[in-house]
Amino acid sequence: MGKTWLIIGSFRGLGPAIAEAVLEAGNDLVATVRRTVHAVFAGRANVVNGPLQYG
C-alpha cells in the first residue's frame, strides 16, 4: 500500500521535484498551488480549481 503525501506550495522550487518523485514512486499526492497547475500534474491528477471548502 502506497503513502499519501500532502505538498503545500508545489508550483515552484522544491515542490514540483518532490511531487514528481512522489508520483513516480506510485504514491498518492495532494498538492496545493496558487497558480495554474504545474506541468508535473498534467494528465496525472484530478484537479480541483478554487478555494478549499471547510465544514
N, C-alpha and C. Protein backbone atom coordinates (compact mmCIF):
# COMPACT_ATOMS: atom_id res chain seq x y z
N MET A 1 0.84 -1.17 0.00
CA MET A 1 0.00 0.00 0.00
C MET A 1 0.88 1.24 0.00
N GLY A 2 0.60 2.16 -0.93
CA GLY A 2 1.38 3.39 -1.02
C GLY A 2 0.99 4.39 0.05
N LYS A 3 1.77 5.42 0.12
CA LYS A 3 1.52 6.50 1.07
C LYS A 3 0.79 7.63 0.36
N THR A 4 0.16 8.48 1.14
CA THR A 4 -0.46 9.70 0.62
C THR A 4 0.34 10.88 1.14
N TRP A 5 0.79 11.72 0.22
CA TRP A 5 1.61 12.88 0.55
C TRP A 5 0.80 14.15 0.38
N LEU A 6 1.04 15.13 1.24
CA LEU A 6 0.48 16.46 1.12
C LEU A 6 1.65 17.42 0.91
N ILE A 7 1.63 18.11 -0.23
CA ILE A 7 2.67 19.09 -0.51
C ILE A 7 2.00 20.45 -0.66
N ILE A 8 2.37 21.36 0.22
CA ILE A 8 1.84 22.71 0.17
C ILE A 8 2.87 23.59 -0.52
N GLY A 9 2.46 24.25 -1.59
CA GLY A 9 3.39 25.08 -2.35
C GLY A 9 4.14 24.24 -3.36
N SER A 10 3.40 23.61 -4.26
CA SER A 10 4.04 22.69 -5.20
C SER A 10 4.19 23.26 -6.60
N PHE A 11 4.16 24.59 -6.73
CA PHE A 11 4.27 25.21 -8.05
C PHE A 11 5.71 25.44 -8.49
N ARG A 12 6.56 25.81 -7.55
CA ARG A 12 7.96 26.08 -7.93
C ARG A 12 8.88 25.69 -6.78
N GLY A 13 10.16 25.80 -7.04
CA GLY A 13 11.14 25.42 -6.01
C GLY A 13 11.22 23.91 -5.87
N LEU A 14 11.30 23.44 -4.65
CA LEU A 14 11.39 22.02 -4.40
C LEU A 14 10.06 21.29 -4.61
N GLY A 15 8.96 22.02 -4.53
CA GLY A 15 7.63 21.40 -4.63
C GLY A 15 7.43 20.51 -5.84
N PRO A 16 7.66 21.01 -7.07
CA PRO A 16 7.45 20.17 -8.24
C PRO A 16 8.37 18.95 -8.29
N ALA A 17 9.59 19.12 -7.83
CA ALA A 17 10.54 17.99 -7.82
C ALA A 17 10.09 16.90 -6.85
N ILE A 18 9.63 17.32 -5.69
CA ILE A 18 9.14 16.35 -4.71
C ILE A 18 7.86 15.69 -5.24
N ALA A 19 6.97 16.49 -5.83
CA ALA A 19 5.73 15.95 -6.38
C ALA A 19 6.02 14.90 -7.45
N GLU A 20 6.95 15.19 -8.32
CA GLU A 20 7.31 14.24 -9.38
C GLU A 20 7.83 12.94 -8.78
N ALA A 21 8.69 13.03 -7.77
CA ALA A 21 9.24 11.83 -7.13
C ALA A 21 8.14 11.02 -6.45
N VAL A 22 7.20 11.71 -5.81
CA VAL A 22 6.09 11.03 -5.14
C VAL A 22 5.25 10.26 -6.16
N LEU A 23 4.92 10.92 -7.27
CA LEU A 23 4.11 10.27 -8.30
C LEU A 23 4.86 9.12 -8.96
N GLU A 24 6.14 9.32 -9.24
CA GLU A 24 6.94 8.26 -9.87
C GLU A 24 7.04 7.03 -8.97
N ALA A 25 7.00 7.23 -7.66
CA ALA A 25 7.08 6.12 -6.72
C ALA A 25 5.74 5.39 -6.57
N GLY A 26 4.71 5.91 -7.24
CA GLY A 26 3.41 5.26 -7.19
C GLY A 26 2.57 5.64 -5.99
N ASN A 27 2.96 6.70 -5.31
CA ASN A 27 2.20 7.16 -4.15
C ASN A 27 1.10 8.12 -4.58
N ASP A 28 0.15 8.38 -3.68
CA ASP A 28 -0.90 9.36 -3.92
C ASP A 28 -0.40 10.73 -3.49
N LEU A 29 -0.91 11.76 -4.15
CA LEU A 29 -0.43 13.11 -3.88
C LEU A 29 -1.60 14.07 -3.78
N VAL A 30 -1.59 14.87 -2.74
CA VAL A 30 -2.48 16.01 -2.60
C VAL A 30 -1.56 17.22 -2.59
N ALA A 31 -1.73 18.10 -3.57
CA ALA A 31 -0.82 19.24 -3.71
C ALA A 31 -1.61 20.53 -3.82
N THR A 32 -1.07 21.59 -3.26
CA THR A 32 -1.71 22.89 -3.38
C THR A 32 -0.82 23.83 -4.18
N VAL A 33 -1.47 24.66 -4.98
CA VAL A 33 -0.78 25.70 -5.74
C VAL A 33 -1.66 26.94 -5.76
N ARG A 34 -1.04 28.10 -5.90
CA ARG A 34 -1.82 29.34 -6.02
C ARG A 34 -2.06 29.72 -7.46
N ARG A 35 -1.33 29.11 -8.37
CA ARG A 35 -1.45 29.44 -9.79
C ARG A 35 -1.91 28.21 -10.56
N THR A 36 -1.97 28.35 -11.87
CA THR A 36 -2.36 27.24 -12.74
C THR A 36 -1.52 26.02 -12.44
N VAL A 37 -2.11 24.88 -12.57
CA VAL A 37 -1.44 23.63 -12.23
C VAL A 37 -0.17 23.44 -13.04
N HIS A 38 0.88 23.10 -12.37
CA HIS A 38 2.20 22.88 -12.97
C HIS A 38 2.16 21.66 -13.90
N ALA A 39 2.99 21.66 -14.90
CA ALA A 39 3.02 20.58 -15.88
C ALA A 39 3.27 19.21 -15.25
N VAL A 40 3.88 19.16 -14.07
CA VAL A 40 4.18 17.87 -13.45
C VAL A 40 2.90 17.10 -13.16
N PHE A 41 1.75 17.81 -13.05
CA PHE A 41 0.50 17.15 -12.74
C PHE A 41 -0.34 16.84 -13.97
N ALA A 42 0.06 17.36 -15.13
CA ALA A 42 -0.74 17.23 -16.34
C ALA A 42 -1.04 15.77 -16.66
N GLY A 43 -2.31 15.46 -16.76
CA GLY A 43 -2.74 14.11 -17.12
C GLY A 43 -2.55 13.07 -16.03
N ARG A 44 -2.12 13.47 -14.84
CA ARG A 44 -1.84 12.51 -13.79
C ARG A 44 -2.57 12.82 -12.50
N ALA A 45 -3.50 13.77 -12.57
CA ALA A 45 -4.15 14.18 -11.33
C ALA A 45 -5.58 14.60 -11.58
N ASN A 46 -6.39 14.48 -10.56
CA ASN A 46 -7.71 15.08 -10.55
C ASN A 46 -7.53 16.49 -10.02
N VAL A 47 -7.87 17.46 -10.82
CA VAL A 47 -7.61 18.85 -10.46
C VAL A 47 -8.90 19.53 -10.02
N VAL A 48 -8.83 20.20 -8.89
CA VAL A 48 -9.94 20.99 -8.38
C VAL A 48 -9.47 22.43 -8.31
N ASN A 49 -10.12 23.30 -9.06
CA ASN A 49 -9.76 24.71 -9.04
C ASN A 49 -10.68 25.44 -8.08
N GLY A 50 -10.15 26.39 -7.37
CA GLY A 50 -10.95 27.21 -6.48
C GLY A 50 -10.52 27.06 -5.04
N PRO A 51 -11.14 27.82 -4.16
CA PRO A 51 -10.76 27.78 -2.76
C PRO A 51 -11.19 26.48 -2.09
N LEU A 52 -10.48 26.14 -1.05
CA LEU A 52 -10.85 24.96 -0.26
C LEU A 52 -12.16 25.24 0.45
N GLN A 53 -12.96 24.21 0.58
CA GLN A 53 -14.23 24.31 1.27
C GLN A 53 -14.09 23.73 2.66
N TYR A 54 -14.49 24.44 3.66
CA TYR A 54 -14.43 23.97 5.04
C TYR A 54 -15.85 23.76 5.56
N GLY A 55 -15.99 22.72 6.42
CA GLY A 55 -17.27 22.50 7.09
C GLY A 55 -18.17 21.76 6.26
